[in-house]
């Protein structure tokens, strides 16, 4: 069965790395990165779809995949678009 990643475009700012969608966001301050991380975490809880989030001093890195199928699916694409809305507000 073909996965959705083959038929849908990758959301702006995201790249495919292996079986994941990944986006790195540069932040002006550590506090801004913490705030974005919290917003992404709240989005993940609301969508019941939880990415890996790595916070460093000036960057937040988000990796999302549907682990149950070992690939990027429509859920990941939808999550990435929703995350982009939050990212555009920083």
N, C-alpha and C. Protein backbone atom coordinates (compact mmCIF):
# COMPACT_ATOMS: atom_id res chain seq x y z
N UNK A 1 0.84 -1.20 0.00
CA UNK A 1 0.00 0.00 0.00
C UNK A 1 0.88 1.25 0.00
N UNK A 2 0.61 2.18 -0.90
CA UNK A 2 1.38 3.41 -0.96
C UNK A 2 0.97 4.32 0.19
N UNK A 3 1.97 4.99 0.76
CA UNK A 3 1.68 5.91 1.86
C UNK A 3 1.36 7.29 1.32
N UNK A 4 0.67 8.05 2.11
CA UNK A 4 0.21 9.37 1.71
C UNK A 4 1.38 10.29 1.36
N UNK A 5 2.55 10.06 1.97
CA UNK A 5 3.69 10.93 1.69
C UNK A 5 4.01 10.96 0.20
N UNK A 6 3.64 9.94 -0.52
CA UNK A 6 3.93 9.89 -1.94
C UNK A 6 2.93 10.70 -2.76
N UNK A 7 1.80 11.04 -2.18
CA UNK A 7 0.76 11.73 -2.95
C UNK A 7 0.48 13.15 -2.49
N UNK A 8 0.92 13.52 -1.30
CA UNK A 8 0.68 14.88 -0.80
C UNK A 8 1.99 15.65 -0.78
N UNK A 9 1.89 16.94 -1.00
CA UNK A 9 3.07 17.77 -0.94
C UNK A 9 3.53 17.94 0.50
N UNK A 10 4.82 18.08 0.66
CA UNK A 10 5.39 18.34 1.97
C UNK A 10 5.04 19.76 2.37
N UNK A 11 4.54 19.97 3.59
CA UNK A 11 4.20 21.33 4.03
C UNK A 11 5.42 22.26 4.01
N UNK A 12 5.17 23.55 3.81
CA UNK A 12 6.25 24.54 3.76
C UNK A 12 7.12 24.44 5.01
N UNK A 13 8.43 24.46 4.79
CA UNK A 13 9.38 24.47 5.89
C UNK A 13 9.75 23.09 6.41
N UNK A 14 9.05 22.06 5.99
CA UNK A 14 9.28 20.70 6.46
C UNK A 14 10.05 19.91 5.41
N UNK A 15 10.83 18.94 5.87
CA UNK A 15 11.55 18.06 4.96
C UNK A 15 11.30 16.62 5.39
N UNK A 16 11.48 15.72 4.45
CA UNK A 16 11.41 14.29 4.76
C UNK A 16 12.80 13.83 5.15
N UNK A 17 12.92 13.23 6.32
CA UNK A 17 14.17 12.62 6.77
C UNK A 17 13.83 11.21 7.19
N UNK A 18 14.19 10.25 6.37
CA UNK A 18 13.81 8.87 6.64
C UNK A 18 12.31 8.73 6.62
N UNK A 19 11.75 8.22 7.70
CA UNK A 19 10.30 8.02 7.82
C UNK A 19 9.62 9.14 8.60
N UNK A 20 10.22 10.31 8.61
CA UNK A 20 9.67 11.42 9.40
C UNK A 20 9.58 12.70 8.57
N UNK A 21 8.68 13.58 9.02
CA UNK A 21 8.67 14.96 8.58
C UNK A 21 9.41 15.74 9.65
N UNK A 22 10.30 16.64 9.24
CA UNK A 22 11.12 17.37 10.19
C UNK A 22 11.12 18.85 9.85
N UNK A 23 11.06 19.67 10.89
CA UNK A 23 11.21 21.11 10.71
C UNK A 23 12.03 21.67 11.86
N UNK A 24 12.99 22.52 11.54
CA UNK A 24 13.78 23.24 12.53
C UNK A 24 13.41 24.71 12.45
N UNK A 25 13.10 25.29 13.60
CA UNK A 25 12.68 26.69 13.67
C UNK A 25 13.69 27.45 14.51
N UNK A 26 14.31 28.46 13.95
CA UNK A 26 15.21 29.31 14.70
C UNK A 26 14.39 30.28 15.54
N UNK A 27 14.81 30.47 16.77
CA UNK A 27 14.13 31.39 17.68
C UNK A 27 15.10 32.47 18.14
N UNK A 28 14.55 33.63 18.45
CA UNK A 28 15.37 34.77 18.85
C UNK A 28 15.95 34.59 20.25
N UNK A 29 15.19 33.93 21.11
CA UNK A 29 15.63 33.73 22.49
C UNK A 29 15.25 32.32 22.94
N UNK A 30 15.87 31.90 24.01
CA UNK A 30 15.52 30.61 24.59
C UNK A 30 14.07 30.60 25.06
N UNK A 31 13.63 31.69 25.67
CA UNK A 31 12.25 31.78 26.15
C UNK A 31 11.25 31.65 25.00
N UNK A 32 11.57 32.21 23.85
CA UNK A 32 10.70 32.08 22.69
C UNK A 32 10.62 30.61 22.25
N UNK A 33 11.74 29.92 22.31
CA UNK A 33 11.75 28.50 21.99
C UNK A 33 10.93 27.68 22.96
N UNK A 34 11.01 28.01 24.25
CA UNK A 34 10.21 27.33 25.26
C UNK A 34 8.73 27.55 25.00
N UNK A 35 8.35 28.78 24.69
CA UNK A 35 6.95 29.10 24.42
C UNK A 35 6.44 28.33 23.20
N UNK A 36 7.23 28.30 22.13
CA UNK A 36 6.83 27.55 20.94
C UNK A 36 6.71 26.06 21.26
N UNK A 37 7.64 25.53 22.02
CA UNK A 37 7.59 24.12 22.42
C UNK A 37 6.30 23.83 23.17
N UNK A 38 5.91 24.70 24.08
CA UNK A 38 4.67 24.52 24.83
C UNK A 38 3.46 24.58 23.89
N UNK A 39 3.46 25.50 22.95
CA UNK A 39 2.34 25.58 22.01
C UNK A 39 2.25 24.32 21.14
N UNK A 40 3.38 23.81 20.69
CA UNK A 40 3.39 22.58 19.89
C UNK A 40 2.92 21.41 20.74
N UNK A 41 3.34 21.36 22.00
CA UNK A 41 2.90 20.29 22.90
C UNK A 41 1.39 20.32 23.11
N UNK A 42 0.83 21.50 23.28
CA UNK A 42 -0.63 21.63 23.45
C UNK A 42 -1.36 21.20 22.18
N UNK A 43 -0.82 21.58 21.02
CA UNK A 43 -1.39 21.15 19.74
C UNK A 43 -1.35 19.62 19.64
N UNK A 44 -0.23 19.04 20.00
CA UNK A 44 -0.07 17.59 19.93
C UNK A 44 -1.09 16.88 20.82
N UNK A 45 -1.28 17.38 22.03
CA UNK A 45 -2.29 16.78 22.91
C UNK A 45 -3.69 16.90 22.32
N UNK A 46 -4.00 18.07 21.76
CA UNK A 46 -5.33 18.28 21.19
C UNK A 46 -5.57 17.36 19.99
N UNK A 47 -4.52 17.08 19.23
CA UNK A 47 -4.65 16.23 18.04
C UNK A 47 -4.38 14.75 18.35
N UNK A 48 -3.94 14.47 19.58
CA UNK A 48 -3.56 13.12 19.98
C UNK A 48 -2.55 12.53 18.99
N UNK A 49 -1.57 13.35 18.66
CA UNK A 49 -0.51 12.95 17.72
C UNK A 49 0.76 13.65 18.17
N UNK A 50 1.69 12.91 18.75
CA UNK A 50 2.78 13.51 19.49
C UNK A 50 4.13 13.39 18.78
N UNK A 51 4.70 14.53 18.39
CA UNK A 51 5.99 14.54 17.73
C UNK A 51 7.14 14.48 18.74
N UNK A 52 8.32 14.27 18.23
CA UNK A 52 9.52 14.47 19.03
C UNK A 52 9.86 15.95 18.91
N UNK A 53 10.15 16.59 20.04
CA UNK A 53 10.50 18.02 20.05
C UNK A 53 11.85 18.15 20.76
N UNK A 54 12.79 18.81 20.09
CA UNK A 54 14.10 19.06 20.68
C UNK A 54 14.28 20.57 20.77
N UNK A 55 14.52 21.05 21.98
CA UNK A 55 14.70 22.48 22.25
C UNK A 55 16.16 22.74 22.57
N UNK A 56 16.77 23.65 21.82
CA UNK A 56 18.11 24.13 22.15
C UNK A 56 18.03 25.63 22.35
N UNK A 57 19.16 26.26 22.61
CA UNK A 57 19.13 27.68 22.93
C UNK A 57 18.40 28.51 21.89
N UNK A 58 18.68 28.27 20.63
CA UNK A 58 18.11 29.15 19.61
C UNK A 58 17.33 28.39 18.54
N UNK A 59 16.88 27.18 18.86
CA UNK A 59 16.17 26.41 17.84
C UNK A 59 15.23 25.38 18.48
N UNK A 60 14.11 25.16 17.80
CA UNK A 60 13.18 24.09 18.14
C UNK A 60 13.12 23.17 16.92
N UNK A 61 13.36 21.89 17.14
CA UNK A 61 13.32 20.91 16.06
C UNK A 61 12.17 19.95 16.32
N UNK A 62 11.29 19.81 15.33
CA UNK A 62 10.10 18.97 15.46
C UNK A 62 10.21 17.84 14.45
N UNK A 63 10.01 16.60 14.91
CA UNK A 63 9.99 15.42 14.04
C UNK A 63 8.68 14.69 14.27
N UNK A 64 7.97 14.38 13.19
CA UNK A 64 6.68 13.71 13.34
C UNK A 64 6.59 12.56 12.34
N UNK A 65 6.00 11.46 12.80
CA UNK A 65 5.81 10.28 11.97
C UNK A 65 4.69 9.45 12.57
N UNK A 66 4.07 8.66 11.76
CA UNK A 66 3.06 7.71 12.27
C UNK A 66 3.79 6.39 12.53
N UNK A 67 4.20 6.22 13.77
CA UNK A 67 5.03 5.08 14.15
C UNK A 67 4.33 3.75 13.93
N UNK A 68 3.00 3.76 13.99
CA UNK A 68 2.28 2.50 13.82
C UNK A 68 2.42 1.92 12.41
N UNK A 69 2.69 2.79 11.42
CA UNK A 69 2.90 2.30 10.05
C UNK A 69 4.33 2.54 9.58
N UNK A 70 5.13 3.21 10.40
CA UNK A 70 6.53 3.44 10.05
C UNK A 70 6.74 4.38 8.89
N UNK A 71 5.85 5.35 8.74
CA UNK A 71 5.95 6.28 7.62
C UNK A 71 5.17 7.56 7.93
N UNK A 72 5.34 8.53 7.05
CA UNK A 72 4.55 9.76 7.11
C UNK A 72 3.19 9.47 6.51
N UNK A 73 2.15 9.87 7.24
CA UNK A 73 0.78 9.67 6.76
C UNK A 73 0.04 11.02 6.76
N UNK A 74 -1.21 10.97 6.39
CA UNK A 74 -2.04 12.16 6.39
C UNK A 74 -2.11 12.84 7.75
N UNK A 75 -2.08 12.06 8.82
CA UNK A 75 -2.08 12.66 10.18
C UNK A 75 -0.87 13.56 10.38
N UNK A 76 0.26 13.13 9.86
CA UNK A 76 1.49 13.92 10.01
C UNK A 76 1.43 15.20 9.18
N UNK A 77 0.89 15.08 7.98
CA UNK A 77 0.74 16.25 7.11
C UNK A 77 -0.19 17.28 7.77
N UNK A 78 -1.31 16.81 8.31
CA UNK A 78 -2.26 17.70 8.99
C UNK A 78 -1.59 18.35 10.20
N UNK A 79 -0.85 17.55 10.98
CA UNK A 79 -0.15 18.10 12.14
C UNK A 79 0.84 19.18 11.70
N UNK A 80 1.62 18.91 10.65
CA UNK A 80 2.62 19.86 10.19
C UNK A 80 1.97 21.18 9.75
N UNK A 81 0.85 21.10 9.04
CA UNK A 81 0.15 22.33 8.64
C UNK A 81 -0.34 23.10 9.87
N UNK A 82 -0.88 22.40 10.86
CA UNK A 82 -1.35 23.07 12.08
C UNK A 82 -0.17 23.69 12.84
N UNK A 83 0.94 22.97 12.89
CA UNK A 83 2.13 23.51 13.55
C UNK A 83 2.64 24.75 12.81
N UNK A 84 2.57 24.74 11.49
CA UNK A 84 3.00 25.91 10.71
C UNK A 84 2.20 27.15 11.08
N UNK A 85 0.93 26.99 11.39
CA UNK A 85 0.12 28.13 11.81
C UNK A 85 0.70 28.73 13.10
N UNK A 86 1.07 27.88 14.05
CA UNK A 86 1.66 28.36 15.30
C UNK A 86 3.03 29.00 15.05
N UNK A 87 3.81 28.34 14.21
CA UNK A 87 5.17 28.83 13.92
C UNK A 87 5.11 30.21 13.25
N UNK A 88 4.12 30.42 12.41
CA UNK A 88 4.02 31.70 11.70
C UNK A 88 3.73 32.87 12.64
N UNK A 89 3.28 32.56 13.86
CA UNK A 89 2.94 33.59 14.84
C UNK A 89 4.09 34.00 15.73
N UNK A 90 5.24 33.33 15.59
CA UNK A 90 6.38 33.73 16.46
C UNK A 90 7.21 34.80 15.80
